[in-house]
Amino acid sequence: MPALREFNTGSVRPWHKPQPDTHATLNFPRPLAAPSRIAHGFRQLDIGCNANIRARSRVQKITESHVDCHISTWADTTLYNGIDHVLALAPEDQDLLTGEHMRNLLTNPHDPASVRINFERPFSSPPKVVVFFNLIALDKHRNWRLSTTATSIDANGFTLNIETWADTILYVAQACWIAYPANRKQIFSRSVNTTEVRHWSQPRLEQSKKIMFDSVAFSKDPFVFVALNSIDIGHTANLRIKAYVNGVSRTGLVWHIDAWADTILYSAGASIIAFN
C-alpha cells in the first residue's frame, strides 16, 4: 500500500521568515522493501506578488525508510509557505505507475502544451490517471492561470496537458502523474474544482463540497492525497491557495479549496486520491 506523508514549511520556519529553500526528512510509517517511487505535489502555496510566481517541490535521498522533501523558490520571489503531499509507492505496488513532465517555455518557447506519455509497461485496459503540479513559474504582471489534465487515456499511455489561457505568461510548469488500474480495489480518485460550487466570475475565499466514493467500497476510513491541478488567481495580491479535505469516512469526504486575506480566487482545482 502507498504511504502518505505531508511536508509543511511551517514545521521548519514561521511563514513571516521566508527563505529560498525549506526542507525536512519525512519518515515512512513502515520500512519498505526497497527505495520507493515518489509522487508529490503542492497542496498549499503562499507567495508574494511583487515578483514572478516561482515554486518548486522536489525530493531527494530516497531510502527504504524516509525521503527528504524540499519546497523552494529562486531569484527574487518570496515564498511564505508551502505544503506538499508526498505519496511513496511501495515496491509491491507494481500496478501503480508515476512520472513527471516539465513544460519549459524559457528554454523552448514552442514547447507544446500537450504531450504523449507512454507507460513503461502497458495496462490490460485504460487506467485511471491523476495529474497535479509540483513546479510553477508565472509572470507577475498577468493573472495566474494554469491547469493540467490527462486526456486520450488508453492502455499504453495518455496525453498530458499543461495549459494556460487569456493573457497569462507561463515560463515553466511541471506536472506529476499517477496511473492505476481502473478496477483496483480500495482506491478512488477524482478531480474537483471550485466551479462545481460557483461561477469563476464570482470569486470568494472559501468553497467546499461533499463527494461520495461511488462504487468504491472502503473497509475503513481511507488516507487521502490532495494536490492542486488548476489555478485562476488575480495578480494584484499574493497568491494564497490551499486544498484540503475533512469529514473523511468509508463512503465519502468534504473537499475545500480556499484562499485568504486579499487574494482574488477566481477558480482552482485539485486532484484527490483516497486509498487503503
Protein backbone atom coordinates (compact mmCIF):
# COMPACT_ATOMS: atom_id res chain seq x y z
CA MET A 1 0.00 0.00 0.00
CA PRO A 2 1.29 3.52 -0.73
CA ALA A 3 2.47 5.64 2.19
CA LEU A 4 1.15 9.21 2.50
CA ARG A 5 3.20 11.95 4.10
CA GLU A 6 2.87 15.75 4.29
CA PHE A 7 5.56 18.42 4.40
CA ASN A 8 4.66 21.91 5.65
CA THR A 9 7.33 24.61 5.53
CA GLY A 10 5.65 25.95 8.69
CA SER A 11 7.03 22.95 10.58
CA VAL A 12 10.55 24.25 9.91
CA ARG A 13 10.15 28.05 9.99
CA PRO A 14 7.35 30.62 10.52
CA TRP A 15 5.62 31.98 7.42
CA HIS A 16 6.90 35.52 8.06
CA LYS A 17 10.54 34.39 7.83
CA PRO A 18 10.67 33.25 4.19
CA GLN A 19 13.73 31.59 2.73
CA PRO A 20 14.60 30.26 -0.74
CA ASP A 21 14.62 26.60 0.29
CA THR A 22 12.91 24.82 3.16
CA HIS A 23 13.26 21.09 3.65
CA ALA A 24 12.74 18.25 6.09
CA THR A 25 13.07 14.48 6.30
CA LEU A 26 9.78 12.58 6.07
CA ASN A 27 9.77 9.13 7.67
CA PHE A 28 7.57 6.42 6.21
CA PRO A 29 5.15 4.71 8.63
CA ARG A 30 6.91 1.40 7.98
CA PRO A 31 10.19 0.44 6.29
CA LEU A 32 9.80 -0.50 2.64
CA ALA A 33 11.48 -3.44 0.93
CA ALA A 34 13.41 -1.06 -1.35
CA PRO A 35 13.59 2.67 -2.07
CA SER A 36 10.16 3.73 -3.27
CA ARG A 37 8.93 5.72 -6.23
CA ILE A 38 7.71 9.14 -5.05
CA ALA A 39 4.83 11.25 -6.34
CA HIS A 40 4.48 14.72 -4.85
CA GLY A 41 2.53 17.91 -5.42
CA PHE A 42 1.51 21.24 -3.93
CA ARG A 43 -1.45 21.25 -1.58
CA GLN A 44 -0.95 24.83 -0.40
CA LEU A 45 1.05 27.88 -1.53
CA ASP A 46 1.52 31.42 -0.20
CA ILE A 47 3.73 33.51 -2.50
CA GLY A 48 4.33 37.26 -2.70
CA CYS A 49 3.00 39.16 -5.71
CA ASN A 50 5.89 41.64 -6.01
CA ALA A 51 7.95 39.23 -8.11
CA ASN A 52 7.20 36.41 -10.52
CA ILE A 53 5.50 33.35 -9.07
CA ARG A 54 8.11 30.62 -8.67
CA ALA A 55 7.71 27.47 -6.58
CA ARG A 56 9.25 24.03 -6.81
CA SER A 57 8.66 20.80 -4.91
CA ARG A 58 11.40 18.19 -5.09
CA VAL A 59 12.51 15.05 -3.28
CA GLN A 60 15.99 13.74 -2.57
CA LYS A 61 17.75 10.95 -0.66
CA ILE A 62 15.00 8.40 -1.12
CA THR A 63 15.61 5.33 1.06
CA GLU A 64 13.58 2.40 2.38
CA SER A 65 12.63 4.42 5.48
CA HIS A 66 12.48 8.10 4.54
CA VAL A 67 12.71 10.83 1.92
CA ASP A 68 13.95 14.42 2.04
CA CYS A 69 11.34 16.89 0.76
CA HIS A 70 12.12 20.45 -0.38
CA ILE A 71 9.80 23.35 -1.18
CA SER A 72 11.82 26.13 -2.75
CA THR A 73 11.84 29.24 -4.90
CA TRP A 74 14.52 31.21 -6.73
CA ALA A 75 15.52 34.67 -7.95
CA ASP A 76 13.58 37.45 -6.15
CA THR A 77 10.37 35.52 -5.36
CA THR A 78 9.15 35.45 -1.75
CA LEU A 79 7.75 32.07 -0.72
CA TYR A 80 5.98 32.47 2.61
CA ASN A 81 4.56 28.98 2.96
CA GLY A 82 4.04 25.76 1.08
CA ILE A 83 2.57 22.36 1.85
CA ASP A 84 3.34 19.23 -0.15
CA HIS A 85 1.53 15.93 -0.18
CA VAL A 86 4.01 13.11 -0.78
CA LEU A 87 2.95 9.62 -1.85
CA ALA A 88 5.51 6.83 -1.62
CA LEU A 89 4.68 3.90 -3.88
CA ALA A 90 5.93 0.69 -2.30
CA PRO A 91 7.82 -1.88 -4.41
CA GLU A 92 4.83 -4.21 -4.20
CA ASP A 93 2.60 -1.52 -5.78
CA GLN A 94 3.69 -2.55 -9.27
CA ASP A 95 0.28 -1.76 -10.73
CA LEU A 96 0.73 1.92 -9.79
CA LEU A 97 2.91 3.95 -12.15
CA THR A 98 4.12 7.52 -11.72
CA GLY A 99 6.18 10.11 -13.57
CA GLU A 100 6.67 13.82 -14.27
CA HIS A 101 6.74 16.10 -17.28
CA MET A 102 8.01 19.68 -17.48
CA ARG A 103 6.83 22.29 -19.97
CA ASN A 104 9.66 24.83 -20.17
CA LEU A 105 8.96 27.89 -22.32
CA LEU A 106 12.16 29.58 -21.17
CA THR A 107 14.41 27.07 -22.92
CA ASN A 108 11.94 26.25 -25.69
CA PRO A 109 9.32 28.93 -26.48
CA HIS A 110 7.50 26.38 -28.66
CA ASP A 111 7.37 23.65 -26.02
CA PRO A 112 3.94 22.08 -26.68
CA ALA A 113 1.10 22.29 -24.20
CA SER A 114 0.17 18.64 -24.83
CA VAL A 115 2.50 15.64 -24.98
CA ARG A 116 2.01 11.90 -25.22
CA ILE A 117 3.13 9.95 -22.16
CA ASN A 118 3.82 6.25 -22.77
CA PHE A 119 3.65 3.91 -19.79
CA GLU A 120 6.78 1.92 -19.01
CA ARG A 121 4.56 -1.16 -19.22
CA PRO A 122 1.00 -1.31 -20.58
CA PHE A 123 -2.13 -1.85 -18.54
CA SER A 124 -4.66 -4.52 -19.55
CA SER A 125 -7.26 -1.78 -20.10
CA PRO A 126 -7.34 2.04 -19.88
CA PRO A 127 -6.29 3.02 -16.34
CA LYS A 128 -7.24 5.94 -14.15
CA VAL A 129 -4.72 8.80 -14.44
CA VAL A 130 -4.35 11.57 -11.85
CA VAL A 131 -2.29 14.72 -12.53
CA PHE A 132 -1.16 17.67 -10.38
CA PHE A 133 1.53 20.36 -10.16
CA ASN A 134 4.86 20.33 -8.35
CA LEU A 135 6.56 23.26 -10.11
CA ILE A 136 5.18 26.55 -11.40
CA ALA A 137 6.72 29.77 -12.74
CA LEU A 138 4.39 32.55 -13.93
CA ASP A 139 4.85 36.24 -14.71
CA LYS A 140 3.78 38.73 -12.03
CA HIS A 141 2.13 41.17 -14.47
CA ARG A 142 -0.79 38.95 -15.52
CA ASN A 143 -3.32 36.86 -13.64
CA TRP A 144 -2.07 33.39 -12.73
CA ARG A 145 -4.00 30.87 -14.82
CA LEU A 146 -2.71 27.34 -15.16
CA SER A 147 -4.18 23.86 -15.42
CA THR A 148 -3.08 20.28 -16.02
CA THR A 149 -5.27 17.43 -17.26
CA ALA A 150 -4.94 13.89 -18.60
CA THR A 151 -6.83 13.08 -21.81
CA SER A 152 -6.88 10.36 -24.51
CA ILE A 153 -6.13 7.67 -21.93
CA ASP A 154 -5.60 4.16 -23.24
CA ALA A 155 -3.81 1.03 -22.01
CA ASN A 156 -0.45 2.23 -23.35
CA GLY A 157 -0.42 5.88 -22.26
CA PHE A 158 -2.21 9.22 -22.26
CA THR A 159 -1.94 12.86 -23.30
CA LEU A 160 -0.67 15.17 -20.56
CA ASN A 161 -1.81 18.79 -20.92
CA ILE A 162 -0.21 21.79 -19.19
CA GLU A 163 -2.16 24.84 -20.34
CA THR A 164 -2.87 28.47 -19.61
CA TRP A 165 -5.31 30.93 -21.16
CA ALA A 166 -6.10 34.61 -21.78
CA ASP A 167 -3.02 36.85 -21.28
CA THR A 168 -1.22 34.78 -18.62
CA ILE A 169 2.53 34.42 -19.19
CA LEU A 170 3.78 30.94 -18.33
CA TYR A 171 7.51 30.31 -18.04
CA VAL A 172 7.74 26.80 -16.60
CA ALA A 173 5.39 24.23 -15.10
CA GLN A 174 5.83 20.60 -14.15
CA ALA A 175 3.06 18.08 -13.63
CA CYS A 176 3.33 14.79 -11.79
CA TRP A 177 1.05 11.89 -12.72
CA ILE A 178 -0.12 8.64 -11.15
CA ALA A 179 -1.78 5.83 -13.13
CA TYR A 180 -3.51 2.79 -11.64
CA PRO A 181 -5.88 0.06 -12.89
CA ALA A 182 -9.45 1.31 -13.17
CA ASN A 183 -10.70 -1.80 -11.35
CA ARG A 184 -8.18 -1.66 -8.49
CA LYS A 185 -9.93 -2.12 -5.16
CA GLN A 186 -9.65 0.27 -2.22
CA ILE A 187 -8.72 3.32 -4.31
CA PHE A 188 -10.78 6.27 -5.55
CA SER A 189 -9.70 9.37 -7.44
CA ARG A 190 -11.36 12.48 -8.75
CA SER A 191 -10.56 15.99 -9.90
CA VAL A 192 -12.60 18.70 -8.12
CA ASN A 193 -12.92 22.41 -8.86
CA THR A 194 -14.44 25.50 -7.30
CA THR A 195 -16.56 25.88 -10.45
CA GLU A 196 -18.64 22.96 -9.14
CA VAL A 197 -19.80 25.35 -6.41
CA ARG A 198 -19.91 28.78 -8.09
CA HIS A 199 -19.02 30.56 -11.35
CA TRP A 200 -15.42 31.70 -11.82
CA SER A 201 -16.58 35.31 -12.24
CA GLN A 202 -17.92 35.38 -8.67
CA PRO A 203 -14.71 35.00 -6.65
CA ARG A 204 -14.83 34.18 -2.97
CA LEU A 205 -12.33 32.93 -0.46
CA GLU A 206 -13.89 29.67 0.70
CA GLN A 207 -15.77 26.88 -1.05
CA SER A 208 -16.42 23.24 -0.25
CA LYS A 209 -18.49 20.30 -1.41
CA LYS A 210 -19.26 16.79 -0.21
CA ILE A 211 -18.50 13.94 -2.60
CA MET A 212 -19.17 10.22 -2.34
CA PHE A 213 -16.82 7.38 -3.27
CA ASP A 214 -19.41 5.94 -5.66
CA SER A 215 -18.89 2.22 -6.20
CA VAL A 216 -15.56 2.06 -4.34
CA ALA A 217 -16.09 0.27 -1.03
CA PHE A 218 -13.51 1.04 1.65
CA SER A 219 -13.07 -1.31 4.60
CA LYS A 220 -12.02 1.62 6.83
CA ASP A 221 -11.63 5.38 6.56
CA PRO A 222 -9.11 5.93 3.74
CA PHE A 223 -5.99 8.02 3.57
CA VAL A 224 -6.42 10.98 1.19
CA PHE A 225 -3.80 12.56 -1.05
CA VAL A 226 -4.61 16.10 -2.26
CA ALA A 227 -2.69 18.28 -4.73
CA LEU A 228 -3.50 21.30 -6.89
CA ASN A 229 -4.18 20.81 -10.60
CA SER A 230 -5.57 24.24 -11.58
CA ILE A 231 -5.43 27.89 -10.51
CA ASP A 232 -7.01 31.13 -11.72
CA ILE A 233 -5.93 33.87 -9.31
CA GLY A 234 -5.63 37.64 -9.60
CA HIS A 235 -2.07 39.00 -9.74
CA THR A 236 -2.62 42.17 -7.68
CA ALA A 237 -2.41 40.37 -4.31
CA ASN A 238 -0.35 37.47 -3.03
CA LEU A 239 -1.02 34.00 -4.41
CA ARG A 240 -2.62 32.23 -1.47
CA ILE A 241 -4.34 28.91 -2.16
CA LYS A 242 -4.96 25.72 -0.20
CA ALA A 243 -6.80 22.49 -0.90
CA TYR A 244 -7.71 20.04 1.82
CA VAL A 245 -10.36 17.54 2.91
CA ASN A 246 -12.25 16.73 6.08
CA GLY A 247 -15.18 14.59 7.12
CA VAL A 248 -13.45 11.55 5.63
CA SER A 249 -15.40 8.31 6.06
CA ARG A 250 -15.65 4.96 4.26
CA THR A 251 -18.27 6.46 1.94
CA GLY A 252 -17.11 9.99 1.15
CA LEU A 253 -15.46 13.25 2.17
CA VAL A 254 -15.77 17.03 2.02
CA TRP A 255 -13.24 18.89 -0.12
CA HIS A 256 -12.24 22.51 0.44
CA ILE A 257 -10.37 24.93 -1.83
CA ASP A 258 -9.73 28.26 -0.10
CA ALA A 259 -7.77 31.48 -0.32
CA TRP A 260 -7.36 34.09 2.41
CA ALA A 261 -6.65 37.76 3.11
CA ASP A 262 -6.99 39.90 -0.07
CA THR A 263 -6.26 37.18 -2.63
CA ILE A 264 -8.73 37.09 -5.53
CA LEU A 265 -9.54 33.44 -6.21
CA TYR A 266 -11.46 33.10 -9.47
CA SER A 267 -11.17 29.33 -9.55
CA ALA A 268 -8.92 26.45 -8.58
CA GLY A 269 -8.92 22.70 -8.82
CA ALA A 270 -7.37 19.77 -7.01
CA SER A 271 -6.76 16.08 -7.58
CA ILE A 272 -7.89 13.71 -4.82
CA ILE A 273 -6.79 10.11 -4.29
CA ALA A 274 -8.39 8.15 -1.44
CA PHE A 275 -6.90 4.73 -0.69
CA ASN A 276 -6.44 1.93 1.81
